[in-house]
């Protein structure tokens, strides 16, 4: 499903979250734009930002599948969703 929403993501080997822009999401895949290049096969924790809040109640754990450099210097990241954690 095409979607336009901000995300926060953190590679599993990083302490900090980074901002990105999600533009595709389905049950098995998420595609987002990032200024940070990510290596293929790295695990990523992803949180959707809904409006001005972070939807911490829904967390995606994914593994990068593709990282394509785009004009302008940012990257299109395609990641396969491995699990989804919903908290209350």
N, C-alpha and C. Protein backbone atom coordinates (compact mmCIF):
# COMPACT_ATOMS: atom_id res chain seq x y z
N UNK A 1 0.84 -1.16 0.00
CA UNK A 1 0.00 0.00 0.00
C UNK A 1 0.89 1.24 0.00
N UNK A 2 0.62 2.14 -0.90
CA UNK A 2 1.36 3.39 -0.91
C UNK A 2 0.94 4.22 0.29
N UNK A 3 1.92 4.80 0.93
CA UNK A 3 1.68 5.58 2.15
C UNK A 3 2.73 6.68 2.21
N UNK A 4 2.37 7.82 2.72
CA UNK A 4 3.31 8.92 2.90
C UNK A 4 3.28 9.32 4.37
N UNK A 5 4.27 8.86 5.12
CA UNK A 5 4.33 9.21 6.54
C UNK A 5 5.78 9.19 7.01
N UNK A 6 6.05 9.99 8.00
CA UNK A 6 7.39 10.02 8.58
C UNK A 6 7.59 8.79 9.47
N UNK A 7 8.84 8.36 9.58
CA UNK A 7 9.20 7.25 10.45
C UNK A 7 10.43 7.62 11.25
N UNK A 8 10.63 6.90 12.34
CA UNK A 8 11.90 6.89 13.07
C UNK A 8 12.45 5.49 12.90
N UNK A 9 13.74 5.39 12.61
CA UNK A 9 14.32 4.05 12.49
C UNK A 9 15.68 4.02 13.16
N UNK A 10 16.05 2.83 13.60
CA UNK A 10 17.34 2.64 14.27
C UNK A 10 17.93 1.32 13.83
N UNK A 11 19.10 1.39 13.17
CA UNK A 11 19.80 0.14 12.89
C UNK A 11 20.12 -0.55 14.23
N UNK A 12 20.10 -1.88 14.26
CA UNK A 12 20.29 -2.59 15.52
C UNK A 12 21.64 -2.33 16.17
N UNK A 13 22.61 -1.89 15.40
CA UNK A 13 23.93 -1.60 15.98
C UNK A 13 24.09 -0.13 16.37
N UNK A 14 23.01 0.64 16.36
CA UNK A 14 23.09 2.08 16.65
C UNK A 14 22.31 2.41 17.92
N UNK A 15 22.74 3.47 18.60
CA UNK A 15 22.03 3.95 19.79
C UNK A 15 20.89 4.89 19.42
N UNK A 16 21.08 5.69 18.39
CA UNK A 16 20.14 6.75 18.04
C UNK A 16 19.16 6.33 16.96
N UNK A 17 17.98 6.96 17.02
CA UNK A 17 17.00 6.83 15.94
C UNK A 17 17.26 7.92 14.91
N UNK A 18 16.91 7.66 13.67
CA UNK A 18 17.05 8.60 12.57
C UNK A 18 15.68 8.78 11.94
N UNK A 19 15.47 9.93 11.28
CA UNK A 19 14.20 10.19 10.60
C UNK A 19 14.25 9.71 9.17
N UNK A 20 13.13 9.24 8.68
CA UNK A 20 12.99 8.81 7.30
C UNK A 20 11.58 9.10 6.83
N UNK A 21 11.31 8.79 5.56
CA UNK A 21 9.98 9.01 4.98
C UNK A 21 9.52 7.71 4.34
N UNK A 22 8.51 7.10 4.94
CA UNK A 22 7.95 5.84 4.42
C UNK A 22 7.06 6.15 3.22
N UNK A 23 7.18 5.34 2.15
CA UNK A 23 6.26 5.54 1.03
C UNK A 23 5.64 4.25 0.53
N UNK A 24 5.95 3.11 1.19
CA UNK A 24 5.26 1.85 0.86
C UNK A 24 5.31 0.95 2.08
N UNK A 25 4.18 0.31 2.38
CA UNK A 25 4.09 -0.58 3.52
C UNK A 25 3.05 -1.66 3.24
N UNK A 26 3.45 -2.92 3.45
CA UNK A 26 2.48 -4.01 3.45
C UNK A 26 2.88 -4.99 4.54
N UNK A 27 2.27 -6.14 4.60
CA UNK A 27 2.50 -7.09 5.69
C UNK A 27 3.93 -7.63 5.72
N UNK A 28 4.64 -7.57 4.60
CA UNK A 28 5.98 -8.17 4.56
C UNK A 28 7.09 -7.21 4.17
N UNK A 29 6.76 -5.98 3.78
CA UNK A 29 7.80 -5.07 3.27
C UNK A 29 7.49 -3.62 3.62
N UNK A 30 8.56 -2.87 3.87
CA UNK A 30 8.46 -1.43 4.06
C UNK A 30 9.54 -0.78 3.21
N UNK A 31 9.18 0.29 2.54
CA UNK A 31 10.12 1.05 1.72
C UNK A 31 10.14 2.48 2.25
N UNK A 32 11.35 2.98 2.48
CA UNK A 32 11.46 4.34 3.01
C UNK A 32 12.70 5.04 2.47
N UNK A 33 12.67 6.37 2.56
CA UNK A 33 13.77 7.21 2.12
C UNK A 33 14.57 7.63 3.35
N UNK A 34 15.88 7.57 3.23
CA UNK A 34 16.78 7.87 4.34
C UNK A 34 17.98 8.67 3.84
N UNK A 35 18.47 9.55 4.67
CA UNK A 35 19.73 10.22 4.36
C UNK A 35 20.92 9.33 4.75
N UNK A 36 20.64 8.34 5.58
CA UNK A 36 21.66 7.41 6.07
C UNK A 36 21.67 6.15 5.21
N UNK A 37 22.81 5.80 4.62
CA UNK A 37 22.86 4.53 3.87
C UNK A 37 22.86 3.36 4.85
N UNK A 38 22.17 2.29 4.49
CA UNK A 38 22.14 1.10 5.32
C UNK A 38 22.66 -0.09 4.51
N UNK A 39 23.51 -0.88 5.13
CA UNK A 39 24.05 -2.07 4.47
C UNK A 39 22.94 -3.12 4.31
N UNK A 40 23.07 -3.94 3.30
CA UNK A 40 22.13 -5.03 3.05
C UNK A 40 22.25 -6.05 4.19
N UNK A 41 21.11 -6.53 4.67
CA UNK A 41 21.10 -7.58 5.68
C UNK A 41 21.14 -7.09 7.11
N UNK A 42 21.15 -5.78 7.31
CA UNK A 42 21.20 -5.24 8.68
C UNK A 42 19.78 -5.16 9.26
N UNK A 43 19.65 -5.43 10.54
CA UNK A 43 18.37 -5.33 11.22
C UNK A 43 18.05 -3.88 11.53
N UNK A 44 16.76 -3.54 11.45
CA UNK A 44 16.31 -2.17 11.67
C UNK A 44 15.03 -2.19 12.50
N UNK A 45 14.97 -1.34 13.52
CA UNK A 45 13.75 -1.12 14.29
C UNK A 45 13.08 0.13 13.72
N UNK A 46 11.78 0.05 13.41
CA UNK A 46 11.07 1.14 12.74
C UNK A 46 9.81 1.49 13.51
N UNK A 47 9.60 2.81 13.72
CA UNK A 47 8.40 3.31 14.36
C UNK A 47 7.76 4.34 13.43
N UNK A 48 6.45 4.22 13.24
CA UNK A 48 5.70 5.16 12.41
C UNK A 48 5.44 6.43 13.22
N UNK A 49 5.58 7.58 12.59
CA UNK A 49 5.24 8.86 13.22
C UNK A 49 3.90 9.29 12.65
N UNK A 50 2.88 9.33 13.50
CA UNK A 50 1.54 9.70 13.09
C UNK A 50 1.28 11.14 13.53
N UNK A 51 1.27 12.05 12.60
CA UNK A 51 1.11 13.46 12.94
C UNK A 51 2.32 13.95 13.70
N UNK A 52 2.10 14.47 14.89
CA UNK A 52 3.21 15.00 15.69
C UNK A 52 3.68 14.02 16.75
N UNK A 53 3.11 12.80 16.77
CA UNK A 53 3.50 11.83 17.79
C UNK A 53 4.12 10.59 17.14
N UNK A 54 4.93 9.90 17.90
CA UNK A 54 5.49 8.63 17.43
C UNK A 54 4.58 7.52 17.92
N UNK A 55 4.15 6.67 17.02
CA UNK A 55 3.27 5.57 17.38
C UNK A 55 4.10 4.44 17.98
N UNK A 56 4.57 4.64 19.22
CA UNK A 56 5.42 3.66 19.89
C UNK A 56 4.70 2.35 20.17
N UNK A 57 3.41 2.34 20.04
CA UNK A 57 2.66 1.13 20.33
C UNK A 57 2.77 0.11 19.20
N UNK A 58 3.29 0.50 18.05
CA UNK A 58 3.47 -0.40 16.92
C UNK A 58 4.90 -0.27 16.42
N UNK A 59 5.68 -1.33 16.61
CA UNK A 59 7.09 -1.31 16.25
C UNK A 59 7.35 -2.43 15.25
N UNK A 60 8.01 -2.10 14.14
CA UNK A 60 8.39 -3.08 13.13
C UNK A 60 9.86 -3.45 13.32
N UNK A 61 10.15 -4.72 13.19
CA UNK A 61 11.54 -5.17 13.14
C UNK A 61 11.75 -5.75 11.75
N UNK A 62 12.72 -5.20 11.04
CA UNK A 62 12.91 -5.57 9.63
C UNK A 62 14.39 -5.79 9.34
N UNK A 63 14.65 -6.37 8.17
CA UNK A 63 16.02 -6.58 7.70
C UNK A 63 16.14 -5.96 6.31
N UNK A 64 17.17 -5.14 6.12
CA UNK A 64 17.32 -4.45 4.83
C UNK A 64 17.55 -5.46 3.70
N UNK A 65 16.89 -5.19 2.59
CA UNK A 65 16.97 -6.06 1.42
C UNK A 65 17.65 -5.35 0.25
N UNK A 66 17.37 -4.05 0.13
CA UNK A 66 18.00 -3.22 -0.91
C UNK A 66 18.26 -1.84 -0.35
N UNK A 67 19.31 -1.20 -0.87
CA UNK A 67 19.62 0.18 -0.53
C UNK A 67 20.10 0.85 -1.81
N UNK A 68 19.26 1.71 -2.37
CA UNK A 68 19.54 2.33 -3.66
C UNK A 68 19.77 3.83 -3.49
N UNK A 69 20.94 4.31 -3.91
CA UNK A 69 21.22 5.74 -3.84
C UNK A 69 20.40 6.46 -4.90
N UNK A 70 19.79 7.57 -4.50
CA UNK A 70 18.96 8.36 -5.40
C UNK A 70 19.64 9.67 -5.74
N UNK A 71 19.13 10.34 -6.77
CA UNK A 71 19.62 11.68 -7.08
C UNK A 71 19.37 12.56 -5.87
N UNK A 72 20.29 13.42 -5.54
CA UNK A 72 20.15 14.27 -4.38
C UNK A 72 20.88 13.73 -3.16
N UNK A 73 21.35 12.47 -3.26
CA UNK A 73 22.19 11.93 -2.20
C UNK A 73 21.50 11.12 -1.13
N UNK A 74 20.16 11.01 -1.17
CA UNK A 74 19.52 10.17 -0.16
C UNK A 74 19.38 8.74 -0.70
N UNK A 75 18.79 7.86 0.11
CA UNK A 75 18.74 6.44 -0.23
C UNK A 75 17.32 5.91 -0.11
N UNK A 76 16.93 5.06 -1.05
CA UNK A 76 15.68 4.32 -0.94
C UNK A 76 16.03 2.98 -0.31
N UNK A 77 15.45 2.70 0.84
CA UNK A 77 15.71 1.47 1.58
C UNK A 77 14.48 0.57 1.46
N UNK A 78 14.69 -0.65 1.05
CA UNK A 78 13.64 -1.65 1.02
C UNK A 78 14.00 -2.69 2.07
N UNK A 79 13.08 -2.91 3.01
CA UNK A 79 13.35 -3.85 4.10
C UNK A 79 12.20 -4.84 4.21
N UNK A 80 12.55 -6.06 4.54
CA UNK A 80 11.54 -7.11 4.76
C UNK A 80 11.19 -7.14 6.23
N UNK A 81 9.92 -7.05 6.52
CA UNK A 81 9.45 -7.07 7.90
C UNK A 81 9.55 -8.48 8.44
N UNK A 82 10.24 -8.60 9.57
CA UNK A 82 10.43 -9.91 10.22
C UNK A 82 9.42 -10.11 11.34
N UNK A 83 9.09 -9.03 12.05
CA UNK A 83 8.09 -9.14 13.11
C UNK A 83 7.52 -7.76 13.41
N UNK A 84 6.36 -7.77 14.03
CA UNK A 84 5.66 -6.55 14.45
C UNK A 84 5.31 -6.72 15.91
N UNK A 85 5.65 -5.71 16.69
CA UNK A 85 5.37 -5.76 18.13
C UNK A 85 4.37 -4.66 18.45
N UNK A 86 3.25 -5.06 19.03
CA UNK A 86 2.25 -4.09 19.47
C UNK A 86 2.26 -4.10 20.99
N UNK A 87 2.41 -2.93 21.60
CA UNK A 87 2.41 -2.82 23.06
C UNK A 87 1.18 -2.05 23.49
N UNK A 88 0.85 -2.17 24.73
CA UNK A 88 -0.34 -1.46 25.28
C UNK A 88 0.08 -0.50 26.34
